[in-house]
Amino acid sequence: MDSDIQNWSQLWSHKKATKLDIVQLSERLQKIEQVDKLKRFFIPVLLISSVAIMVYRLTFNTSNFIAIALVISGFLVSLAPLFRTKSKTLNVATLTNKRYIKLEITRLKGRLDLPKNHFLISCIVIPLGMGIGYFSSLENAALEEHLFGYFILVTLFLALLYLRKLSIKKHQNHLIPIISDLETVLVNLEECTSKYT
């Protein structure tokens, strides 16, 4: 704690960061973590609901087993990184600790890749799994039902791609400025450390 106070006083005297800047930065990071908490809750709910519906409506055979496995995999691809990049406790004190700041910069840079890579895999795998399950249940159905199924799957796929595009833009608009601010704070801390040691 003494070292944190010393780092903070050095930052203050260095006049390259103000208490207000640090507090606002901490609040922005906490808001990101709050959104992630909601995602870590709702994605498993969607996963369990989707799998439950598929298990209830589909007969057990190889194609349906593959369909369920694909849907589970698609959700887990987006869910796992949210736990892996979970934020540590951040406040004014931790933001004067170089180790915490470096960890947070690494975490946020990793999060920039989530919509680009992980969400793209989910966009492909989830509709594919649902499509296999749906068409497996329509072996003797009329052409209209098959066409309706194709329409729903294509619509779902396009909607997921659109959400991915929005997510990429949102991540860049929110995360890149925060990463830049954290890197500035880190540089200031390193300069203060070298000056007062």
N, C-alpha and C. Protein backbone atom coordinates (compact mmCIF):
# COMPACT_ATOMS: atom_id res chain seq x y z
N MET A 1 0.83 -1.20 0.00
CA MET A 1 0.00 0.00 0.00
C MET A 1 0.86 1.25 0.00
N ASP A 2 1.97 1.24 0.79
CA ASP A 2 2.87 2.39 0.82
C ASP A 2 3.45 2.67 -0.56
N SER A 3 3.78 1.57 -1.28
CA SER A 3 4.35 1.76 -2.61
C SER A 3 3.31 2.33 -3.56
N ASP A 4 2.04 1.91 -3.38
CA ASP A 4 0.97 2.46 -4.21
C ASP A 4 0.80 3.95 -3.97
N ILE A 5 0.83 4.34 -2.70
CA ILE A 5 0.69 5.76 -2.36
C ILE A 5 1.86 6.55 -2.91
N GLN A 6 3.05 5.97 -2.82
CA GLN A 6 4.23 6.65 -3.34
C GLN A 6 4.13 6.81 -4.85
N ASN A 7 3.69 5.73 -5.54
CA ASN A 7 3.53 5.81 -7.00
C ASN A 7 2.51 6.88 -7.37
N TRP A 8 1.42 6.92 -6.58
CA TRP A 8 0.38 7.91 -6.88
C TRP A 8 0.90 9.33 -6.66
N SER A 9 1.61 9.56 -5.58
CA SER A 9 2.13 10.89 -5.30
C SER A 9 3.14 11.32 -6.36
N GLN A 10 3.91 10.33 -6.86
CA GLN A 10 4.87 10.64 -7.92
C GLN A 10 4.14 11.01 -9.20
N LEU A 11 3.07 10.27 -9.50
CA LEU A 11 2.27 10.59 -10.68
C LEU A 11 1.67 12.00 -10.56
N TRP A 12 1.17 12.31 -9.39
CA TRP A 12 0.55 13.61 -9.16
C TRP A 12 1.57 14.73 -9.34
N SER A 13 2.73 14.55 -8.76
CA SER A 13 3.75 15.59 -8.85
C SER A 13 4.32 15.70 -10.25
N HIS A 14 4.25 14.60 -10.99
CA HIS A 14 4.77 14.60 -12.35
C HIS A 14 3.84 15.34 -13.31
N LYS A 15 2.54 15.54 -12.89
CA LYS A 15 1.55 16.31 -13.65
C LYS A 15 1.27 15.73 -15.04
N LYS A 16 1.35 14.39 -15.12
CA LYS A 16 1.01 13.75 -16.38
C LYS A 16 -0.27 12.94 -16.26
N ALA A 17 -0.79 12.83 -15.06
CA ALA A 17 -2.09 12.19 -14.86
C ALA A 17 -2.74 12.85 -13.67
N THR A 18 -4.02 13.00 -13.69
CA THR A 18 -4.72 13.59 -12.57
C THR A 18 -5.58 12.52 -11.92
N LYS A 19 -6.00 12.79 -10.68
CA LYS A 19 -6.84 11.83 -9.98
C LYS A 19 -8.12 11.58 -10.75
N LEU A 20 -8.68 12.64 -11.34
CA LEU A 20 -9.91 12.50 -12.11
C LEU A 20 -9.71 11.57 -13.29
N ASP A 21 -8.58 11.68 -13.98
CA ASP A 21 -8.30 10.80 -15.12
C ASP A 21 -8.27 9.35 -14.68
N ILE A 22 -7.59 9.07 -13.59
CA ILE A 22 -7.45 7.71 -13.10
C ILE A 22 -8.81 7.16 -12.66
N VAL A 23 -9.58 7.97 -11.96
CA VAL A 23 -10.90 7.53 -11.50
C VAL A 23 -11.80 7.22 -12.69
N GLN A 24 -11.81 8.10 -13.69
CA GLN A 24 -12.63 7.87 -14.89
C GLN A 24 -12.18 6.61 -15.64
N LEU A 25 -10.89 6.41 -15.72
CA LEU A 25 -10.37 5.22 -16.39
C LEU A 25 -10.80 3.97 -15.65
N SER A 26 -10.72 4.00 -14.33
CA SER A 26 -11.17 2.86 -13.52
C SER A 26 -12.65 2.58 -13.73
N GLU A 27 -13.46 3.62 -13.80
CA GLU A 27 -14.90 3.45 -14.01
C GLU A 27 -15.20 2.86 -15.39
N ARG A 28 -14.46 3.28 -16.39
CA ARG A 28 -14.66 2.73 -17.75
C ARG A 28 -14.31 1.24 -17.79
N LEU A 29 -13.25 0.88 -17.11
CA LEU A 29 -12.86 -0.54 -17.05
C LEU A 29 -13.89 -1.36 -16.30
N GLN A 30 -14.44 -0.81 -15.24
CA GLN A 30 -15.45 -1.52 -14.46
C GLN A 30 -16.74 -1.70 -15.26
N LYS A 31 -17.09 -0.72 -16.10
CA LYS A 31 -18.29 -0.85 -16.95
C LYS A 31 -18.11 -1.98 -17.96
N ILE A 32 -16.90 -2.09 -18.51
CA ILE A 32 -16.63 -3.18 -19.45
C ILE A 32 -16.79 -4.52 -18.76
N GLU A 33 -16.30 -4.62 -17.53
CA GLU A 33 -16.41 -5.87 -16.78
C GLU A 33 -17.86 -6.18 -16.44
N GLN A 34 -18.67 -5.17 -16.18
CA GLN A 34 -20.09 -5.39 -15.90
C GLN A 34 -20.81 -5.95 -17.12
N VAL A 35 -20.48 -5.44 -18.30
CA VAL A 35 -21.06 -5.97 -19.54
C VAL A 35 -20.64 -7.42 -19.74
N ASP A 36 -19.37 -7.71 -19.47
CA ASP A 36 -18.88 -9.08 -19.61
C ASP A 36 -19.58 -10.03 -18.65
N LYS A 37 -19.90 -9.56 -17.45
CA LYS A 37 -20.62 -10.40 -16.48
C LYS A 37 -21.98 -10.79 -17.02
N LEU A 38 -22.66 -9.83 -17.67
CA LEU A 38 -23.96 -10.14 -18.27
C LEU A 38 -23.81 -11.18 -19.38
N LYS A 39 -22.76 -11.03 -20.19
CA LYS A 39 -22.53 -12.01 -21.26
C LYS A 39 -22.22 -13.38 -20.68
N ARG A 40 -21.44 -13.41 -19.60
CA ARG A 40 -21.11 -14.70 -18.98
C ARG A 40 -22.33 -15.36 -18.35
N PHE A 41 -23.38 -14.58 -18.13
CA PHE A 41 -24.63 -15.15 -17.62
C PHE A 41 -25.56 -15.58 -18.76
N PHE A 42 -25.76 -14.70 -19.74
CA PHE A 42 -26.76 -14.95 -20.76
C PHE A 42 -26.33 -15.98 -21.80
N ILE A 43 -25.05 -16.04 -22.14
CA ILE A 43 -24.61 -17.03 -23.13
C ILE A 43 -24.86 -18.46 -22.64
N PRO A 44 -24.51 -18.80 -21.38
CA PRO A 44 -24.86 -20.14 -20.90
C PRO A 44 -26.37 -20.40 -20.89
N VAL A 45 -27.17 -19.36 -20.58
CA VAL A 45 -28.62 -19.53 -20.60
C VAL A 45 -29.10 -19.87 -22.02
N LEU A 46 -28.58 -19.13 -23.02
CA LEU A 46 -28.93 -19.43 -24.41
C LEU A 46 -28.46 -20.82 -24.83
N LEU A 47 -27.27 -21.18 -24.37
CA LEU A 47 -26.72 -22.51 -24.70
C LEU A 47 -27.60 -23.61 -24.14
N ILE A 48 -27.93 -23.52 -22.85
CA ILE A 48 -28.75 -24.55 -22.21
C ILE A 48 -30.13 -24.62 -22.85
N SER A 49 -30.72 -23.45 -23.16
CA SER A 49 -32.05 -23.42 -23.77
C SER A 49 -32.02 -24.06 -25.16
N SER A 50 -31.02 -23.71 -25.96
CA SER A 50 -30.92 -24.25 -27.33
C SER A 50 -30.73 -25.76 -27.31
N VAL A 51 -29.83 -26.23 -26.46
CA VAL A 51 -29.56 -27.67 -26.39
C VAL A 51 -30.78 -28.42 -25.86
N ALA A 52 -31.46 -27.84 -24.86
CA ALA A 52 -32.66 -28.49 -24.30
C ALA A 52 -33.74 -28.65 -25.36
N ILE A 53 -33.96 -27.60 -26.16
CA ILE A 53 -34.97 -27.67 -27.22
C ILE A 53 -34.59 -28.72 -28.26
N MET A 54 -33.30 -28.75 -28.63
CA MET A 54 -32.86 -29.72 -29.64
C MET A 54 -32.98 -31.16 -29.11
N VAL A 55 -32.59 -31.37 -27.87
CA VAL A 55 -32.69 -32.72 -27.29
C VAL A 55 -34.15 -33.15 -27.20
N TYR A 56 -35.04 -32.20 -26.85
CA TYR A 56 -36.46 -32.53 -26.71
C TYR A 56 -37.12 -32.85 -28.05
N ARG A 57 -36.75 -32.12 -29.10
CA ARG A 57 -37.45 -32.24 -30.38
C ARG A 57 -36.81 -33.23 -31.35
N LEU A 58 -35.51 -33.51 -31.18
CA LEU A 58 -34.82 -34.36 -32.14
C LEU A 58 -34.71 -35.80 -31.64
N THR A 59 -34.78 -36.72 -32.58
CA THR A 59 -34.52 -38.12 -32.24
C THR A 59 -33.01 -38.33 -32.14
N PHE A 60 -32.62 -39.34 -31.40
CA PHE A 60 -31.19 -39.56 -31.19
C PHE A 60 -30.62 -40.38 -32.34
N ASN A 61 -29.80 -39.73 -33.17
CA ASN A 61 -29.05 -40.42 -34.21
C ASN A 61 -27.75 -39.65 -34.44
N THR A 62 -26.93 -40.14 -35.35
CA THR A 62 -25.60 -39.57 -35.54
C THR A 62 -25.65 -38.12 -35.98
N SER A 63 -26.50 -37.81 -36.94
CA SER A 63 -26.57 -36.44 -37.46
C SER A 63 -27.05 -35.46 -36.39
N ASN A 64 -28.03 -35.88 -35.60
CA ASN A 64 -28.52 -34.99 -34.54
C ASN A 64 -27.48 -34.82 -33.43
N PHE A 65 -26.74 -35.89 -33.14
CA PHE A 65 -25.66 -35.78 -32.16
C PHE A 65 -24.61 -34.77 -32.63
N ILE A 66 -24.27 -34.83 -33.93
CA ILE A 66 -23.32 -33.87 -34.51
C ILE A 66 -23.89 -32.46 -34.42
N ALA A 67 -25.19 -32.32 -34.71
CA ALA A 67 -25.84 -31.00 -34.67
C ALA A 67 -25.75 -30.39 -33.27
N ILE A 68 -26.06 -31.18 -32.25
CA ILE A 68 -26.01 -30.68 -30.87
C ILE A 68 -24.57 -30.34 -30.48
N ALA A 69 -23.63 -31.19 -30.89
CA ALA A 69 -22.22 -30.94 -30.57
C ALA A 69 -21.73 -29.65 -31.22
N LEU A 70 -22.17 -29.37 -32.43
CA LEU A 70 -21.77 -28.14 -33.12
C LEU A 70 -22.34 -26.90 -32.42
N VAL A 71 -23.60 -26.98 -32.01
CA VAL A 71 -24.22 -25.84 -31.32
C VAL A 71 -23.51 -25.57 -30.00
N ILE A 72 -23.22 -26.62 -29.24
CA ILE A 72 -22.49 -26.46 -27.98
C ILE A 72 -21.13 -25.84 -28.23
N SER A 73 -20.42 -26.35 -29.23
CA SER A 73 -19.09 -25.84 -29.55
C SER A 73 -19.15 -24.37 -29.96
N GLY A 74 -20.16 -24.02 -30.76
CA GLY A 74 -20.30 -22.64 -31.21
C GLY A 74 -20.49 -21.66 -30.06
N PHE A 75 -21.30 -22.05 -29.09
CA PHE A 75 -21.50 -21.18 -27.92
C PHE A 75 -20.24 -21.12 -27.06
N LEU A 76 -19.58 -22.25 -26.86
CA LEU A 76 -18.40 -22.29 -26.00
C LEU A 76 -17.24 -21.48 -26.59
N VAL A 77 -17.16 -21.43 -27.92
CA VAL A 77 -16.10 -20.64 -28.56
C VAL A 77 -16.20 -19.17 -28.18
N SER A 78 -17.42 -18.67 -28.03
CA SER A 78 -17.61 -17.27 -27.63
C SER A 78 -17.58 -17.09 -26.12
N LEU A 79 -17.93 -18.14 -25.39
CA LEU A 79 -18.01 -18.03 -23.93
C LEU A 79 -16.65 -18.15 -23.25
N ALA A 80 -15.85 -19.11 -23.68
CA ALA A 80 -14.58 -19.38 -23.00
C ALA A 80 -13.67 -18.16 -22.90
N PRO A 81 -13.50 -17.38 -23.99
CA PRO A 81 -12.61 -16.21 -23.87
C PRO A 81 -13.10 -15.16 -22.88
N LEU A 82 -14.41 -15.10 -22.64
CA LEU A 82 -14.93 -14.13 -21.67
C LEU A 82 -14.47 -14.46 -20.26
N PHE A 83 -14.27 -15.75 -19.98
CA PHE A 83 -13.73 -16.14 -18.68
C PHE A 83 -12.21 -16.00 -18.66
N ARG A 84 -11.58 -16.31 -19.79
CA ARG A 84 -10.12 -16.22 -19.85
C ARG A 84 -9.63 -14.78 -19.75
N THR A 85 -10.40 -13.84 -20.28
CA THR A 85 -9.99 -12.43 -20.24
C THR A 85 -10.72 -11.65 -19.16
N LYS A 86 -11.18 -12.37 -18.13
CA LYS A 86 -11.89 -11.72 -17.03
C LYS A 86 -10.98 -10.73 -16.33
N SER A 87 -11.53 -9.56 -16.05
CA SER A 87 -10.73 -8.49 -15.46
C SER A 87 -10.45 -8.74 -14.00
N LYS A 88 -9.26 -8.31 -13.57
CA LYS A 88 -8.92 -8.32 -12.15
C LYS A 88 -9.59 -7.11 -11.49
N THR A 89 -9.56 -7.09 -10.16
CA THR A 89 -10.12 -5.96 -9.43
C THR A 89 -9.32 -4.71 -9.74
N LEU A 90 -10.01 -3.70 -10.27
CA LEU A 90 -9.32 -2.48 -10.66
C LEU A 90 -9.91 -1.28 -9.94
N ASN A 91 -9.05 -0.45 -9.43
CA ASN A 91 -9.44 0.79 -8.78
C ASN A 91 -8.27 1.75 -8.87
N VAL A 92 -8.38 2.87 -8.16
CA VAL A 92 -7.31 3.88 -8.23
C VAL A 92 -5.98 3.30 -7.76
N ALA A 93 -6.03 2.47 -6.71
CA ALA A 93 -4.80 1.90 -6.17
C ALA A 93 -4.12 0.95 -7.17
N THR A 94 -4.90 0.05 -7.78
CA THR A 94 -4.30 -0.90 -8.70
C THR A 94 -3.80 -0.24 -9.97
N LEU A 95 -4.42 0.91 -10.32
CA LEU A 95 -3.98 1.61 -11.53
C LEU A 95 -2.70 2.42 -11.30
N THR A 96 -2.13 2.33 -10.11
CA THR A 96 -0.79 2.88 -9.89
C THR A 96 0.21 1.74 -9.73
N ASN A 97 -0.20 0.53 -10.07
CA ASN A 97 0.66 -0.64 -10.00
C ASN A 97 0.97 -1.10 -11.43
N LYS A 98 2.23 -1.08 -11.79
CA LYS A 98 2.62 -1.38 -13.17
C LYS A 98 2.21 -2.79 -13.59
N ARG A 99 2.32 -3.74 -12.67
CA ARG A 99 1.99 -5.13 -13.02
C ARG A 99 0.51 -5.25 -13.39
N TYR A 100 -0.37 -4.64 -12.61
CA TYR A 100 -1.81 -4.68 -12.90
C TYR A 100 -2.10 -4.03 -14.24
N ILE A 101 -1.47 -2.90 -14.50
CA ILE A 101 -1.72 -2.18 -15.75
C ILE A 101 -1.29 -3.01 -16.96
N LYS A 102 -0.12 -3.65 -16.86
CA LYS A 102 0.36 -4.50 -17.96
C LYS A 102 -0.60 -5.66 -18.20
N LEU A 103 -1.10 -6.27 -17.13
CA LEU A 103 -2.05 -7.38 -17.26
C LEU A 103 -3.34 -6.90 -17.91
N GLU A 104 -3.79 -5.71 -17.54
CA GLU A 104 -5.03 -5.20 -18.10
C GLU A 104 -4.87 -4.84 -19.57
N ILE A 105 -3.74 -4.29 -19.94
CA ILE A 105 -3.48 -3.99 -21.35
C ILE A 105 -3.49 -5.28 -22.17
N THR A 106 -2.83 -6.31 -21.67
CA THR A 106 -2.82 -7.60 -22.36
C THR A 106 -4.22 -8.18 -22.48
N ARG A 107 -5.01 -8.07 -21.41
CA ARG A 107 -6.38 -8.59 -21.42
C ARG A 107 -7.24 -7.86 -22.46
N LEU A 108 -7.14 -6.54 -22.49
CA LEU A 108 -7.96 -5.76 -23.41
C LEU A 108 -7.55 -5.99 -24.86
N LYS A 109 -6.26 -6.12 -25.10
CA LYS A 109 -5.81 -6.42 -26.47
C LYS A 109 -6.32 -7.79 -26.92
N GLY A 110 -6.37 -8.73 -25.98
CA GLY A 110 -6.93 -10.04 -26.30
C GLY A 110 -8.41 -9.96 -26.61
N ARG A 111 -9.11 -9.06 -25.93
CA ARG A 111 -10.54 -8.92 -26.16
C ARG A 111 -10.85 -8.31 -27.52
N LEU A 112 -9.92 -7.56 -28.09
CA LEU A 112 -10.15 -6.99 -29.43
C LEU A 112 -10.34 -8.08 -30.47
N ASP A 113 -9.76 -9.26 -30.23
CA ASP A 113 -9.84 -10.36 -31.19
C ASP A 113 -11.11 -11.18 -31.06
N LEU A 114 -11.87 -10.98 -29.97
CA LEU A 114 -13.05 -11.82 -29.74
C LEU A 114 -14.07 -11.74 -30.87
N PRO A 115 -14.55 -10.56 -31.25
CA PRO A 115 -15.55 -10.52 -32.32
C PRO A 115 -14.97 -10.90 -33.69
N LYS A 116 -13.68 -10.61 -33.89
CA LYS A 116 -13.07 -10.89 -35.19
C LYS A 116 -12.91 -12.39 -35.42
N ASN A 117 -12.46 -13.11 -34.41
CA ASN A 117 -12.14 -14.53 -34.57
C ASN A 117 -13.17 -15.45 -33.94
N HIS A 118 -13.36 -15.33 -32.63
CA HIS A 118 -14.23 -16.27 -31.93
C HIS A 118 -15.68 -16.15 -32.36
N PHE A 119 -16.17 -14.91 -32.47
CA PHE A 119 -17.55 -14.71 -32.87
C PHE A 119 -17.79 -15.17 -34.30
N LEU A 120 -16.78 -15.03 -35.16
CA LEU A 120 -16.91 -15.50 -36.54
C LEU A 120 -17.12 -17.01 -36.57
N ILE A 121 -16.35 -17.74 -35.75
CA ILE A 121 -16.51 -19.20 -35.68
C ILE A 121 -17.92 -19.54 -35.20
N SER A 122 -18.39 -18.82 -34.17
CA SER A 122 -19.75 -19.06 -33.67
C SER A 122 -20.80 -18.77 -34.74
N CYS A 123 -20.58 -17.71 -35.53
CA CYS A 123 -21.52 -17.34 -36.60
C CYS A 123 -21.68 -18.47 -37.62
N ILE A 124 -20.63 -19.24 -37.82
CA ILE A 124 -20.68 -20.33 -38.79
C ILE A 124 -21.17 -21.62 -38.16
N VAL A 125 -20.63 -21.95 -36.99
CA VAL A 125 -20.86 -23.26 -36.38
C VAL A 125 -22.28 -23.40 -35.83
N ILE A 126 -22.81 -22.36 -35.17
CA ILE A 126 -24.14 -22.47 -34.57
C ILE A 126 -25.24 -22.66 -35.64
N PRO A 127 -25.30 -21.81 -36.70
CA PRO A 127 -26.31 -22.07 -37.74
C PRO A 127 -26.12 -23.43 -38.44
N LEU A 128 -24.85 -23.83 -38.59
CA LEU A 128 -24.60 -25.13 -39.22
C LEU A 128 -25.18 -26.26 -38.38
N GLY A 129 -24.92 -26.20 -37.06
CA GLY A 129 -25.47 -27.22 -36.18
C GLY A 129 -26.99 -27.22 -36.18
N MET A 130 -27.59 -26.03 -36.12
CA MET A 130 -29.05 -25.94 -36.14
C MET A 130 -29.62 -26.43 -37.46
N GLY A 131 -28.90 -26.13 -38.55
CA GLY A 131 -29.35 -26.58 -39.86
C GLY A 131 -29.35 -28.10 -39.99
N ILE A 132 -28.28 -28.73 -39.50
CA ILE A 132 -28.21 -30.19 -39.55
C ILE A 132 -29.35 -30.81 -38.75
N GLY A 133 -29.59 -30.26 -37.56
CA GLY A 133 -30.67 -30.78 -36.73
C GLY A 133 -32.03 -30.55 -37.36
N TYR A 134 -32.22 -29.37 -37.93
CA TYR A 134 -33.52 -29.03 -38.52
C TYR A 134 -33.83 -29.90 -39.72
N PHE A 135 -32.89 -30.01 -40.63
CA PHE A 135 -33.15 -30.78 -41.85
C PHE A 135 -33.17 -32.28 -41.59
N SER A 136 -32.51 -32.71 -40.50
CA SER A 136 -32.60 -34.11 -40.12
C SER A 136 -34.01 -34.48 -39.69
N SER A 137 -34.72 -33.50 -39.14
CA SER A 137 -36.11 -33.76 -38.70
C SER A 137 -37.12 -33.57 -39.81
N LEU A 138 -36.66 -33.16 -41.01
CA LEU A 138 -37.58 -32.89 -42.12
C LEU A 138 -37.34 -33.80 -43.32
N GLU A 139 -36.95 -35.02 -43.03
CA GLU A 139 -36.61 -35.93 -44.13
C GLU A 139 -37.78 -36.14 -45.09
N ASN A 140 -38.98 -36.25 -44.56
CA ASN A 140 -40.16 -36.51 -45.40
C ASN A 140 -41.07 -35.29 -45.51
N ALA A 141 -40.53 -34.11 -45.22
CA ALA A 141 -41.35 -32.90 -45.24
C ALA A 141 -41.50 -32.37 -46.66
N ALA A 142 -42.43 -31.47 -46.82
CA ALA A 142 -42.69 -30.86 -48.12
C ALA A 142 -41.59 -29.87 -48.48
N LEU A 143 -41.52 -29.53 -49.76
CA LEU A 143 -40.50 -28.61 -50.27
C LEU A 143 -40.61 -27.25 -49.57
N GLU A 144 -41.84 -26.81 -49.31
CA GLU A 144 -42.04 -25.50 -48.67
C GLU A 144 -41.36 -25.44 -47.30
N GLU A 145 -41.43 -26.53 -46.55
CA GLU A 145 -40.79 -26.56 -45.24
C GLU A 145 -39.28 -26.50 -45.36
N HIS A 146 -38.74 -27.17 -46.36
CA HIS A 146 -37.30 -27.10 -46.59
C HIS A 146 -36.87 -25.69 -46.97
N LEU A 147 -37.63 -25.05 -47.84
CA LEU A 147 -37.31 -23.69 -48.25
C LEU A 147 -37.40 -22.72 -47.07
N PHE A 148 -38.42 -22.93 -46.23
CA PHE A 148 -38.56 -22.09 -45.05
C PHE A 148 -37.36 -22.28 -44.12
N GLY A 149 -36.89 -23.51 -43.99
CA GLY A 149 -35.72 -23.79 -43.16
C GLY A 149 -34.48 -23.10 -43.69
N TYR A 150 -34.29 -23.16 -45.02
CA TYR A 150 -33.15 -22.45 -45.63
C TYR A 150 -33.23 -20.95 -45.37
N PHE A 151 -34.43 -20.41 -45.49
CA PHE A 151 -34.62 -18.97 -45.27
C PHE A 151 -34.26 -18.59 -43.83
N ILE A 152 -34.72 -19.37 -42.86
CA ILE A 152 -34.45 -19.08 -41.45
C ILE A 152 -32.95 -19.17 -41.17
N LEU A 153 -32.29 -20.18 -41.70
CA LEU A 153 -30.86 -20.36 -41.44
C LEU A 153 -30.02 -19.26 -42.07
N VAL A 154 -30.36 -18.88 -43.30
CA VAL A 154 -29.63 -17.80 -43.97
C VAL A 154 -29.85 -16.49 -43.21
N THR A 155 -31.09 -16.25 -42.77
CA THR A 155 -31.39 -15.04 -42.01
C THR A 155 -30.60 -15.02 -40.70
N LEU A 156 -30.56 -16.15 -40.01
CA LEU A 156 -29.80 -16.25 -38.76
C LEU A 156 -28.32 -15.99 -39.00
N PHE A 157 -27.79 -16.58 -40.05
CA PHE A 157 -26.38 -16.41 -40.37
C PHE A 157 -26.05 -14.95 -40.67
N LEU A 158 -26.89 -14.30 -41.48
CA LEU A 158 -26.66 -12.90 -41.83
C LEU A 158 -26.81 -11.99 -40.61
N ALA A 159 -27.79 -12.31 -39.74
CA ALA A 159 -27.98 -11.52 -38.53
C ALA A 159 -26.77 -11.63 -37.60
N LEU A 160 -26.22 -12.83 -37.48
CA LEU A 160 -25.03 -13.01 -36.65
C LEU A 160 -23.83 -12.28 -37.22
N LEU A 161 -23.68 -12.30 -38.54
CA LEU A 161 -22.59 -11.57 -39.17
C LEU A 161 -22.73 -10.06 -38.95
N TYR A 162 -23.98 -9.58 -39.01
CA TYR A 162 -24.21 -8.15 -38.77
C TYR A 162 -23.88 -7.78 -37.32
N LEU A 163 -24.29 -8.63 -36.39
CA LEU A 163 -23.97 -8.40 -34.98
C LEU A 163 -22.46 -8.44 -34.76
N ARG A 164 -21.79 -9.31 -35.48
CA ARG A 164 -20.32 -9.38 -35.38
C ARG A 164 -19.70 -8.07 -35.87
N LYS A 165 -20.21 -7.55 -36.97
CA LYS A 165 -19.68 -6.28 -37.49
C LYS A 165 -19.87 -5.15 -36.48
N LEU A 166 -21.06 -5.09 -35.87
CA LEU A 166 -21.32 -4.07 -34.85
C LEU A 166 -20.42 -4.26 -33.64
N SER A 167 -20.21 -5.51 -33.28
CA SER A 167 -19.37 -5.82 -32.11
C SER A 167 -17.92 -5.42 -32.35
N ILE A 168 -17.42 -5.66 -33.56
CA ILE A 168 -16.05 -5.26 -33.89
C ILE A 168 -15.89 -3.75 -33.75
N LYS A 169 -16.85 -3.01 -34.31
CA LYS A 169 -16.79 -1.55 -34.26
C LYS A 169 -16.89 -1.06 -32.82
N LYS A 170 -17.78 -1.66 -32.04
CA LYS A 170 -17.96 -1.26 -30.64
C LYS A 170 -16.70 -1.54 -29.83
N HIS A 171 -16.10 -2.70 -30.04
CA HIS A 171 -14.87 -3.05 -29.33
C HIS A 171 -13.76 -2.06 -29.65
N GLN A 172 -13.63 -1.73 -30.93
CA GLN A 172 -12.57 -0.81 -31.33
C GLN A 172 -12.80 0.59 -30.74
N ASN A 173 -14.05 1.05 -30.78
CA ASN A 173 -14.36 2.40 -30.28
C ASN A 173 -14.18 2.52 -28.77
N HIS A 174 -14.44 1.43 -28.05
CA HIS A 174 -14.37 1.47 -26.60
C HIS A 174 -13.01 1.05 -26.06
N LEU A 175 -12.45 0.00 -26.63
CA LEU A 175 -11.24 -0.59 -26.04
C LEU A 175 -9.95 0.11 -26.44
N ILE A 176 -9.85 0.52 -27.70
CA ILE A 176 -8.59 1.14 -28.16
C ILE A 176 -8.27 2.41 -27.38
N PRO A 177 -9.23 3.33 -27.14
CA PRO A 177 -8.90 4.50 -26.31
C PRO A 177 -8.47 4.13 -24.89
N ILE A 178 -9.12 3.11 -24.30
CA ILE A 178 -8.75 2.70 -22.94
C ILE A 178 -7.35 2.10 -22.93
N ILE A 179 -7.04 1.28 -23.92
CA ILE A 179 -5.69 0.71 -24.02
C ILE A 179 -4.66 1.83 -24.14
N SER A 180 -4.97 2.82 -24.98
CA SER A 180 -4.06 3.95 -25.15
C SER A 180 -3.86 4.70 -23.83
N ASP A 181 -4.96 4.91 -23.08
CA ASP A 181 -4.85 5.61 -21.79
C ASP A 181 -4.02 4.80 -20.79
N LEU A 182 -4.24 3.49 -20.77
CA LEU A 182 -3.48 2.64 -19.86
C LEU A 182 -2.00 2.65 -20.20
N GLU A 183 -1.70 2.63 -21.49
CA GLU A 183 -0.29 2.68 -21.91
C GLU A 183 0.34 4.02 -21.52
N THR A 184 -0.44 5.11 -21.58
CA THR A 184 0.05 6.41 -21.16
C THR A 184 0.35 6.41 -19.65
N VAL A 185 -0.59 5.85 -18.86
CA VAL A 185 -0.38 5.76 -17.42
C VAL A 185 0.86 4.92 -17.11
N LEU A 186 1.04 3.83 -17.85
CA LEU A 186 2.19 2.96 -17.63
C LEU A 186 3.49 3.70 -17.93
N VAL A 187 3.53 4.43 -19.04
CA VAL A 187 4.72 5.21 -19.39
C VAL A 187 5.02 6.24 -18.30
N ASN A 188 3.97 6.91 -17.82
CA ASN A 188 4.15 7.90 -16.76
C ASN A 188 4.71 7.28 -15.48
N LEU A 189 4.19 6.12 -15.13
CA LEU A 189 4.68 5.43 -13.94
C LEU A 189 6.15 5.03 -14.09
N GLU A 190 6.50 4.54 -15.27
CA GLU A 190 7.88 4.13 -15.50
C GLU A 190 8.83 5.33 -15.46
N GLU A 191 8.37 6.45 -16.02
CA GLU A 191 9.17 7.67 -15.96
C GLU A 191 9.33 8.15 -14.52
N CYS A 192 8.24 8.10 -13.75
CA CYS A 192 8.32 8.52 -12.35
C CYS A 192 9.23 7.60 -11.55
N THR A 193 9.13 6.30 -11.81
CA THR A 193 9.97 5.35 -11.10
C THR A 193 11.44 5.59 -11.37
N SER A 194 11.77 5.82 -12.65
CA SER A 194 13.17 6.06 -13.01
C SER A 194 13.67 7.40 -12.47
N LYS A 195 12.76 8.36 -12.34
CA LYS A 195 13.17 9.70 -11.87
C LYS A 195 13.42 9.71 -10.37
N TYR A 196 12.61 8.92 -9.62
CA TYR A 196 12.70 8.98 -8.17
C TYR A 196 13.46 7.81 -7.57
N THR A 197 14.14 7.03 -8.42
CA THR A 197 14.97 5.94 -7.90
C THR A 197 16.43 6.24 -8.15
